[in-house]
Amino acid sequence: MRALIAILTVLVLALAASWAWVRFGPRLPRGGDRSEAAWPGGGESAAVTPARAPDADLDRVVRVEVLNGTREGGVGSRMASYLREGGFHVVEVRNADRPDYFATLVVARREDPAAARAVARYLGHPPVVLQARPGDPAEVTVVIGSDRSRVRMEP
């Protein structure tokens, strides 16, 4: 019985800590400063890397699927508009399989994650996950989570 209480206590503390991180953790700046130095964890790079940047690996349009993993309506459409402004080709916008994703993820749907890395750079460096799925019309899937305030979604 004591072990069960200890496990539940740890679980409650972990949930409280994750909620506090989402609620009070570092925020993305609002306004005109788009330099990476202004973003949490940003480096010395000068600006946001557009989708059609002269990367050696990426000189084509990237097909992206956007999934809203939150309960907030319209988040997927806002993300899709922002991605289109960056030169990405959004092939689908819909709700994710569940509305309680904690973190925003960029999922690489091909063996080569270069396209997913370009999308992640454009959005402010959310985690990239490799989950190749041949035959999928999208090369990259963006799953929006409740930490969306840390992800760039507006120009």
Protein backbone atom coordinates (compact mmCIF):
# COMPACT_ATOMS: atom_id res chain seq x y z
CA MET A 1 0.00 0.00 0.00
CA ARG A 2 2.88 2.38 0.81
CA ALA A 3 4.46 1.68 -2.57
CA LEU A 4 1.22 2.61 -4.34
CA ILE A 5 0.98 5.87 -2.39
CA ALA A 6 4.63 6.65 -3.22
CA ILE A 7 4.05 5.99 -6.92
CA LEU A 8 0.93 8.16 -6.98
CA THR A 9 2.78 10.94 -5.15
CA VAL A 10 5.59 10.89 -7.71
CA LEU A 11 3.05 10.90 -10.54
CA VAL A 12 1.19 13.89 -9.09
CA LEU A 13 4.46 15.78 -8.58
CA ALA A 14 5.55 15.04 -12.15
CA LEU A 15 2.22 16.27 -13.53
CA ALA A 16 2.41 19.43 -11.41
CA ALA A 17 5.96 20.09 -12.62
CA SER A 18 5.03 19.60 -16.28
CA TRP A 19 2.02 21.91 -15.89
CA ALA A 20 4.22 24.55 -14.25
CA TRP A 21 6.76 24.28 -17.08
CA VAL A 22 4.07 24.84 -19.71
CA ARG A 23 2.44 27.64 -17.75
CA PHE A 24 5.48 29.51 -16.44
CA GLY A 25 8.44 28.26 -18.52
CA PRO A 26 10.31 30.40 -21.06
CA ARG A 27 8.07 31.99 -23.67
CA LEU A 28 8.74 32.94 -27.25
CA PRO A 29 9.01 36.67 -27.76
CA ARG A 30 6.02 38.47 -29.19
CA GLY A 31 6.85 41.21 -31.60
CA GLY A 32 9.23 41.91 -34.39
CA ASP A 33 12.52 40.45 -33.16
CA ARG A 34 12.91 37.19 -35.11
CA SER A 35 16.59 36.59 -34.43
CA GLU A 36 17.50 33.27 -32.86
CA ALA A 37 19.37 35.12 -30.11
CA ALA A 38 16.01 36.47 -28.88
CA TRP A 39 14.54 32.96 -28.56
CA PRO A 40 15.11 30.70 -25.56
CA GLY A 41 18.13 28.55 -26.35
CA GLY A 42 18.85 30.64 -29.42
CA GLY A 43 22.32 30.99 -30.77
CA GLU A 44 24.23 33.58 -32.69
CA SER A 45 22.41 33.00 -36.00
CA ALA A 46 20.86 36.06 -37.53
CA ALA A 47 17.32 35.09 -38.53
CA VAL A 48 14.69 32.45 -39.16
CA THR A 49 15.70 30.00 -41.86
CA PRO A 50 13.06 29.89 -44.60
CA ALA A 51 12.01 26.62 -46.21
CA ARG A 52 13.72 27.44 -49.48
CA ALA A 53 16.97 28.55 -47.92
CA PRO A 54 20.07 27.61 -49.86
CA ASP A 55 20.64 24.47 -47.78
CA ALA A 56 22.70 21.90 -49.63
CA ASP A 57 20.23 19.20 -48.59
CA LEU A 58 17.00 21.09 -49.17
CA ASP A 59 16.35 22.89 -52.45
CA ARG A 60 12.76 21.77 -52.96
CA VAL A 61 9.32 22.45 -51.53
CA VAL A 62 8.52 20.34 -48.47
CA ARG A 63 5.06 18.75 -48.14
CA VAL A 64 3.73 19.10 -44.58
CA GLU A 65 0.73 17.65 -42.73
CA VAL A 66 -0.48 19.63 -39.67
CA LEU A 67 -2.28 17.85 -36.81
CA ASN A 68 -3.92 19.77 -33.97
CA GLY A 69 -3.17 17.81 -30.79
CA THR A 70 -4.87 20.36 -28.51
CA ARG A 71 -8.43 21.21 -27.54
CA GLU A 72 -8.08 24.75 -28.93
CA GLY A 73 -9.79 25.23 -32.28
CA GLY A 74 -8.06 26.97 -35.15
CA VAL A 75 -4.51 26.22 -34.01
CA GLY A 76 -3.89 23.90 -36.94
CA SER A 77 -5.09 26.50 -39.45
CA ARG A 78 -2.84 29.18 -37.93
CA MET A 79 0.13 26.82 -38.06
CA ALA A 80 -0.67 25.91 -41.68
CA SER A 81 -0.83 29.60 -42.69
CA TYR A 82 2.51 30.27 -41.04
CA LEU A 83 4.11 27.27 -42.76
CA ARG A 84 2.73 28.39 -46.14
CA GLU A 85 4.26 31.85 -45.59
CA GLY A 86 7.59 30.09 -45.09
CA GLY A 87 7.33 28.35 -48.46
CA PHE A 88 6.18 24.94 -47.22
CA HIS A 89 3.38 23.10 -49.04
CA VAL A 90 0.70 22.13 -46.50
CA VAL A 91 -1.13 19.08 -47.84
CA GLU A 92 -3.53 18.49 -44.95
CA VAL A 93 -4.77 20.12 -41.73
CA ARG A 94 -6.82 18.08 -39.27
CA ASN A 95 -7.16 17.06 -35.65
CA ALA A 96 -4.68 14.58 -34.22
CA ASP A 97 -5.76 11.19 -32.90
CA ARG A 98 -6.16 12.74 -29.44
CA PRO A 99 -6.41 16.31 -28.07
CA ASP A 100 -3.91 16.02 -25.21
CA TYR A 101 -0.43 16.13 -26.75
CA PHE A 102 1.89 17.83 -24.29
CA ALA A 103 4.70 18.73 -26.67
CA THR A 104 4.76 19.92 -30.25
CA LEU A 105 6.60 17.43 -32.46
CA VAL A 106 7.96 17.48 -35.99
CA VAL A 107 7.78 13.97 -37.43
CA ALA A 108 10.00 12.97 -40.35
CA ARG A 109 8.00 10.66 -42.65
CA ARG A 110 11.02 9.79 -44.85
CA GLU A 111 14.31 8.10 -44.04
CA ASP A 112 16.16 11.37 -44.63
CA PRO A 113 15.15 13.85 -41.88
CA ALA A 114 16.48 16.96 -43.69
CA ALA A 115 12.97 18.21 -44.54
CA ALA A 116 11.79 17.72 -40.95
CA ARG A 117 14.83 19.58 -39.65
CA ALA A 118 14.05 22.51 -41.98
CA VAL A 119 10.48 22.65 -40.65
CA ALA A 120 11.72 22.42 -37.05
CA ARG A 121 14.20 25.27 -37.64
CA TYR A 122 11.42 27.41 -39.08
CA LEU A 123 9.15 26.71 -36.09
CA GLY A 124 11.75 27.42 -33.42
CA HIS A 125 13.36 24.00 -32.96
CA PRO A 126 10.70 21.67 -31.51
CA PRO A 127 11.85 18.03 -31.25
CA VAL A 128 12.21 16.02 -34.47
CA VAL A 129 11.10 12.38 -34.43
CA LEU A 130 11.94 9.90 -37.20
CA GLN A 131 8.93 7.78 -38.12
CA ALA A 132 9.28 6.88 -41.77
CA ARG A 133 6.08 5.94 -43.56
CA PRO A 134 6.59 5.26 -47.27
CA GLY A 135 3.72 6.22 -49.53
CA ASP A 136 2.53 9.06 -47.28
CA PRO A 137 1.78 12.23 -49.29
CA ALA A 138 3.45 14.37 -46.60
CA GLU A 139 7.19 14.31 -45.97
CA VAL A 140 6.75 15.92 -42.55
CA THR A 141 3.98 15.88 -39.95
CA VAL A 142 3.70 18.64 -37.35
CA VAL A 143 1.73 17.62 -34.26
CA ILE A 144 0.80 20.70 -32.25
CA GLY A 145 0.86 20.18 -28.49
CA SER A 146 -0.12 22.24 -25.47
CA ASP A 147 3.35 23.86 -25.46
CA ARG A 148 2.40 25.76 -28.63
CA SER A 149 3.37 29.08 -27.02
CA ARG A 150 7.03 27.98 -27.43
CA VAL A 151 6.60 27.35 -31.15
CA ARG A 152 6.62 30.07 -33.81
CA MET A 153 3.18 30.22 -35.41
CA GLU A 154 2.91 33.87 -36.34
CA PRO A 155 5.02 36.13 -38.55
